[in-house]
Amino acid sequence: MAMTIFPPSGMASRALTIRFRSADSNRATSSGTGRGPGSCLSSISIAPSAARRRTVKTEAQQAVLALHRMRQQLVKFRTMQINSLRGLLTEYG
């Protein structure tokens, strides 16, 4: 199993990939001489992933994206209000 972690924007721009061993390989043997359940902790490997680099957005691009986000939120809120009103009108007839 592999999991990719992307750091917050203010931190280093390298993403990390964490790989875990399967659960079957972590079981102890019947004789008690195998690897125990805690051995999986020593097998976690962290390696930099091949994350795609992105260019930094300009201030104008960020402003346009912010406007799009705000409009999408307003549309969502308006839809919520319309659905709520429709439910109330249906309830009272």
Protein backbone atom coordinates (compact mmCIF):
# COMPACT_ATOMS: atom_id res chain seq x y z
CA MET A 1 0.00 0.00 0.00
CA ALA A 2 1.35 3.42 -0.91
CA MET A 3 0.20 6.84 0.21
CA THR A 4 1.35 10.20 -1.17
CA ILE A 5 1.50 13.19 1.15
CA PHE A 6 1.67 16.74 -0.20
CA PRO A 7 3.00 19.34 2.26
CA PRO A 8 1.21 22.66 2.87
CA SER A 9 2.01 25.44 0.42
CA GLY A 10 4.40 27.26 2.75
CA MET A 11 6.65 24.25 3.28
CA ALA A 12 9.04 22.36 1.04
CA SER A 13 7.57 21.61 -2.37
CA ARG A 14 8.53 17.91 -2.40
CA ALA A 15 5.78 15.34 -1.95
CA LEU A 16 6.48 12.15 -0.04
CA THR A 17 5.35 8.62 -0.86
CA ILE A 18 4.98 6.26 2.09
CA ARG A 19 4.90 2.52 1.40
CA PHE A 20 3.61 -0.01 3.92
CA ARG A 21 4.07 -3.76 3.92
CA SER A 22 1.02 -5.97 3.59
CA ALA A 23 -0.71 -7.21 6.72
CA ASP A 24 0.04 -10.85 5.83
CA SER A 25 3.78 -10.31 6.09
CA ASN A 26 3.42 -8.85 9.59
CA ARG A 27 1.92 -11.94 11.24
CA ALA A 28 3.99 -13.83 13.76
CA THR A 29 4.77 -17.48 13.01
CA SER A 30 3.27 -20.29 15.07
CA SER A 31 6.63 -21.08 16.65
CA GLY A 32 6.96 -17.52 17.88
CA THR A 33 10.30 -16.97 16.16
CA GLY A 34 9.07 -14.88 13.24
CA ARG A 35 8.49 -11.22 12.98
CA GLY A 36 5.96 -9.89 15.42
CA PRO A 37 3.11 -7.49 14.70
CA GLY A 38 5.28 -4.51 15.63
CA SER A 39 7.85 -5.25 12.95
CA CYS A 40 5.81 -3.39 10.35
CA LEU A 41 6.93 -0.11 11.94
CA SER A 42 10.50 -0.74 10.87
CA SER A 43 9.47 -1.41 7.27
CA ILE A 44 7.93 1.98 6.49
CA SER A 45 9.97 3.68 3.81
CA ILE A 46 9.61 7.32 2.89
CA ALA A 47 10.82 8.36 -0.55
CA PRO A 48 10.29 11.51 -2.58
CA SER A 49 7.65 11.01 -5.27
CA ALA A 50 7.75 12.22 -8.80
CA ALA A 51 5.18 14.98 -8.19
CA ARG A 52 4.56 17.30 -11.08
CA ARG A 53 5.89 20.81 -10.60
CA ARG A 54 3.41 23.65 -10.97
CA THR A 55 4.08 27.26 -11.77
CA VAL A 56 3.24 29.95 -9.23
CA LYS A 57 -0.02 31.70 -10.04
CA THR A 58 0.02 35.42 -10.62
CA GLU A 59 -2.04 37.77 -8.48
CA ALA A 60 -4.55 38.24 -11.31
CA GLN A 61 -5.01 34.47 -11.69
CA GLN A 62 -5.54 34.12 -7.95
CA ALA A 63 -8.14 36.90 -8.02
CA VAL A 64 -10.06 35.22 -10.85
CA LEU A 65 -9.98 31.88 -9.01
CA ALA A 66 -11.21 33.56 -5.82
CA LEU A 67 -14.12 35.12 -7.74
CA HIS A 68 -15.03 31.74 -9.23
CA ARG A 69 -14.94 30.13 -5.77
CA MET A 70 -17.11 32.88 -4.28
CA ARG A 71 -19.66 32.58 -7.10
CA GLN A 72 -19.78 28.80 -6.67
CA GLN A 73 -20.40 29.21 -2.94
CA LEU A 74 -23.19 31.74 -3.60
CA VAL A 75 -24.86 29.39 -6.09
CA LYS A 76 -24.61 26.54 -3.56
CA PHE A 77 -26.08 28.68 -0.77
CA ARG A 78 -28.91 29.92 -3.00
CA THR A 79 -29.75 26.33 -3.97
CA MET A 80 -29.80 25.35 -0.28
CA GLN A 81 -32.21 28.18 0.50
CA ILE A 82 -34.49 27.33 -2.42
CA ASN A 83 -34.60 23.66 -1.41
CA SER A 84 -35.30 24.60 2.21
CA LEU A 85 -38.15 26.92 1.17
CA ARG A 86 -39.55 24.25 -1.14
CA GLY A 87 -39.52 21.76 1.75
CA LEU A 88 -41.32 24.19 4.06
CA LEU A 89 -43.95 25.00 1.41
CA THR A 90 -44.47 21.29 0.80
CA GLU A 91 -44.84 20.66 4.53
CA TYR A 92 -47.48 23.38 5.00
CA GLY A 93 -49.24 22.61 1.70
